[in-house]
N, C-alpha and C. Protein backbone atom coordinates (compact mmCIF):
# COMPACT_ATOMS: atom_id res chain seq x y z
N MET A 1 0.85 -1.17 0.00
CA MET A 1 0.00 0.00 0.00
C MET A 1 0.90 1.23 0.00
N VAL A 2 0.67 2.11 -0.94
CA VAL A 2 1.49 3.31 -1.08
C VAL A 2 0.80 4.50 -0.42
N ARG A 3 -0.52 4.61 -0.58
CA ARG A 3 -1.24 5.76 -0.06
C ARG A 3 -1.96 5.42 1.24
N LYS A 4 -2.22 6.47 2.00
CA LYS A 4 -2.95 6.33 3.27
C LYS A 4 -4.37 5.85 2.99
N GLN A 5 -4.81 4.85 3.72
CA GLN A 5 -6.19 4.39 3.66
C GLN A 5 -6.86 4.79 4.98
N VAL A 6 -6.59 4.05 6.03
CA VAL A 6 -7.04 4.39 7.37
C VAL A 6 -5.86 4.93 8.16
N GLY A 7 -4.74 4.29 8.00
CA GLY A 7 -3.49 4.73 8.61
C GLY A 7 -2.49 4.99 7.50
N PRO A 8 -1.24 5.12 7.84
CA PRO A 8 -0.23 5.40 6.81
C PRO A 8 0.00 4.19 5.91
N GLY A 9 0.43 4.46 4.69
CA GLY A 9 0.82 3.39 3.78
C GLY A 9 2.17 2.83 4.18
N PHE A 10 2.47 1.64 3.72
CA PHE A 10 3.76 1.01 4.06
C PHE A 10 4.93 1.88 3.61
N ALA A 11 4.80 2.50 2.44
CA ALA A 11 5.88 3.35 1.94
C ALA A 11 6.09 4.56 2.85
N GLN A 12 5.02 5.10 3.41
CA GLN A 12 5.14 6.23 4.33
C GLN A 12 5.83 5.81 5.63
N ILE A 13 5.49 4.64 6.10
CA ILE A 13 6.14 4.13 7.32
C ILE A 13 7.62 3.93 7.07
N ALA A 14 7.94 3.32 5.95
CA ALA A 14 9.35 3.07 5.60
C ALA A 14 10.11 4.39 5.49
N ALA A 15 9.52 5.39 4.87
CA ALA A 15 10.19 6.68 4.71
C ALA A 15 10.44 7.34 6.06
N ARG A 16 9.48 7.25 6.97
CA ARG A 16 9.64 7.89 8.28
C ARG A 16 10.77 7.25 9.08
N TYR A 17 10.88 5.94 9.03
CA TYR A 17 11.82 5.22 9.89
C TYR A 17 13.08 4.72 9.19
N ARG A 18 13.24 5.08 7.93
CA ARG A 18 14.33 4.54 7.11
C ARG A 18 15.70 4.64 7.77
N ASN A 19 16.04 5.73 8.41
CA ASN A 19 17.38 5.93 8.97
C ASN A 19 17.44 5.68 10.47
N ASP A 20 16.45 5.02 11.01
CA ASP A 20 16.39 4.74 12.45
C ASP A 20 16.82 3.29 12.69
N PRO A 21 18.00 3.07 13.27
CA PRO A 21 18.46 1.70 13.47
C PRO A 21 17.61 0.91 14.47
N GLU A 22 16.86 1.60 15.31
CA GLU A 22 15.99 0.92 16.29
C GLU A 22 14.61 0.58 15.71
N ALA A 23 14.32 1.08 14.53
CA ALA A 23 12.98 0.93 13.96
C ALA A 23 12.52 -0.51 13.80
N PRO A 24 13.34 -1.43 13.30
CA PRO A 24 12.81 -2.80 13.12
C PRO A 24 12.27 -3.41 14.41
N ALA A 25 12.99 -3.26 15.50
CA ALA A 25 12.54 -3.83 16.77
C ALA A 25 11.30 -3.10 17.30
N ARG A 26 11.30 -1.77 17.20
CA ARG A 26 10.15 -0.99 17.69
C ARG A 26 8.89 -1.30 16.88
N LEU A 27 9.04 -1.38 15.56
CA LEU A 27 7.87 -1.68 14.73
C LEU A 27 7.36 -3.10 14.97
N ALA A 28 8.26 -4.03 15.18
CA ALA A 28 7.84 -5.41 15.49
C ALA A 28 7.02 -5.42 16.78
N ASP A 29 7.47 -4.66 17.78
CA ASP A 29 6.71 -4.57 19.04
C ASP A 29 5.35 -3.92 18.81
N LYS A 30 5.31 -2.86 18.00
CA LYS A 30 4.04 -2.19 17.73
C LYS A 30 3.07 -3.10 17.00
N LEU A 31 3.58 -3.96 16.13
CA LEU A 31 2.71 -4.90 15.44
C LEU A 31 2.04 -5.85 16.43
N ARG A 32 2.79 -6.32 17.38
CA ARG A 32 2.23 -7.27 18.35
C ARG A 32 1.41 -6.60 19.44
N ASP A 33 1.85 -5.42 19.89
CA ASP A 33 1.24 -4.76 21.04
C ASP A 33 0.21 -3.70 20.67
N GLY A 34 0.19 -3.28 19.40
CA GLY A 34 -0.70 -2.21 18.98
C GLY A 34 -0.06 -0.85 19.26
N SER A 35 -0.72 0.19 18.78
CA SER A 35 -0.17 1.53 18.92
C SER A 35 -1.27 2.56 18.67
N VAL A 36 -1.10 3.72 19.27
CA VAL A 36 -1.98 4.85 18.99
C VAL A 36 -1.17 6.13 19.17
N GLY A 37 -1.39 7.08 18.27
CA GLY A 37 -0.75 8.38 18.42
C GLY A 37 0.48 8.61 17.57
N ALA A 38 1.08 7.58 17.02
CA ALA A 38 2.29 7.77 16.20
C ALA A 38 1.96 8.44 14.88
N TRP A 39 0.72 8.28 14.41
CA TRP A 39 0.28 8.85 13.13
C TRP A 39 -1.03 9.61 13.33
N GLY A 40 -1.09 10.39 14.36
CA GLY A 40 -2.33 11.09 14.67
C GLY A 40 -3.20 10.23 15.57
N ARG A 41 -4.49 10.29 15.36
CA ARG A 41 -5.42 9.56 16.23
C ARG A 41 -5.76 8.17 15.71
N VAL A 42 -5.04 7.72 14.72
CA VAL A 42 -5.28 6.40 14.14
C VAL A 42 -4.82 5.32 15.10
N ILE A 43 -5.67 4.34 15.34
CA ILE A 43 -5.34 3.23 16.23
C ILE A 43 -4.89 2.03 15.39
N MET A 44 -3.76 1.45 15.76
CA MET A 44 -3.35 0.20 15.14
C MET A 44 -3.62 -0.90 16.17
N PRO A 45 -4.57 -1.78 15.89
CA PRO A 45 -4.89 -2.83 16.85
C PRO A 45 -3.73 -3.80 17.07
N ARG A 46 -3.65 -4.33 18.25
CA ARG A 46 -2.58 -5.29 18.54
C ARG A 46 -2.87 -6.61 17.83
N GLN A 47 -1.81 -7.33 17.56
CA GLN A 47 -1.89 -8.61 16.85
C GLN A 47 -1.18 -9.67 17.69
N PRO A 48 -1.76 -10.07 18.82
CA PRO A 48 -1.08 -10.99 19.73
C PRO A 48 -0.86 -12.39 19.16
N HIS A 49 -1.57 -12.74 18.10
CA HIS A 49 -1.40 -14.07 17.50
C HIS A 49 -0.11 -14.17 16.69
N MET A 50 0.51 -13.04 16.37
CA MET A 50 1.77 -13.05 15.61
C MET A 50 2.92 -13.49 16.51
N SER A 51 3.75 -14.34 16.00
CA SER A 51 4.95 -14.69 16.75
C SER A 51 5.94 -13.54 16.67
N LEU A 52 6.91 -13.53 17.55
CA LEU A 52 7.93 -12.50 17.52
C LEU A 52 8.68 -12.54 16.18
N ASP A 53 8.97 -13.74 15.69
CA ASP A 53 9.66 -13.88 14.42
C ASP A 53 8.83 -13.31 13.27
N GLU A 54 7.52 -13.61 13.26
CA GLU A 54 6.65 -13.07 12.21
C GLU A 54 6.61 -11.55 12.25
N SER A 55 6.50 -10.97 13.44
CA SER A 55 6.43 -9.52 13.54
C SER A 55 7.75 -8.88 13.11
N ARG A 56 8.86 -9.51 13.41
CA ARG A 56 10.15 -8.98 12.97
C ARG A 56 10.29 -9.04 11.45
N ARG A 57 9.86 -10.15 10.85
CA ARG A 57 9.95 -10.26 9.39
C ARG A 57 9.02 -9.26 8.70
N LEU A 58 7.83 -9.08 9.25
CA LEU A 58 6.90 -8.12 8.66
C LEU A 58 7.44 -6.69 8.81
N ALA A 59 8.01 -6.36 9.95
CA ALA A 59 8.60 -5.03 10.14
C ALA A 59 9.72 -4.79 9.14
N GLN A 60 10.57 -5.78 8.93
CA GLN A 60 11.66 -5.64 7.95
C GLN A 60 11.09 -5.44 6.54
N TRP A 61 10.04 -6.16 6.21
CA TRP A 61 9.44 -6.02 4.89
C TRP A 61 8.86 -4.61 4.71
N VAL A 62 8.12 -4.13 5.70
CA VAL A 62 7.54 -2.79 5.63
C VAL A 62 8.67 -1.76 5.44
N LEU A 63 9.74 -1.88 6.22
CA LEU A 63 10.83 -0.93 6.13
C LEU A 63 11.59 -1.02 4.81
N SER A 64 11.45 -2.10 4.08
CA SER A 64 12.15 -2.24 2.80
C SER A 64 11.40 -1.59 1.63
N GLN A 65 10.20 -1.08 1.88
CA GLN A 65 9.40 -0.50 0.80
C GLN A 65 10.04 0.79 0.30
N PRO A 66 9.95 1.04 -1.00
CA PRO A 66 10.52 2.29 -1.55
C PRO A 66 9.73 3.50 -1.08
N SER A 67 10.36 4.65 -1.15
CA SER A 67 9.69 5.89 -0.77
C SER A 67 8.47 6.14 -1.65
N PRO A 68 7.47 6.84 -1.10
CA PRO A 68 6.28 7.12 -1.90
C PRO A 68 6.62 7.95 -3.13
N PRO A 69 5.86 7.79 -4.20
CA PRO A 69 6.13 8.56 -5.43
C PRO A 69 5.89 10.06 -5.24
């Protein structure tokens, strides 16, 4: 997803955190624990069914997306 739908697009997330070496671990935690306030009032529901390995791989994938056009 390149454009914002309900929350930010994957490319927007990647662009924001691209130069942050702590981003993969923080994003993996946010995927599992949920988050609110990082992108305004948009709530990202927690995904407790994801394993730590799955959340880390998904965070790496999101961060690998090219910058938005």
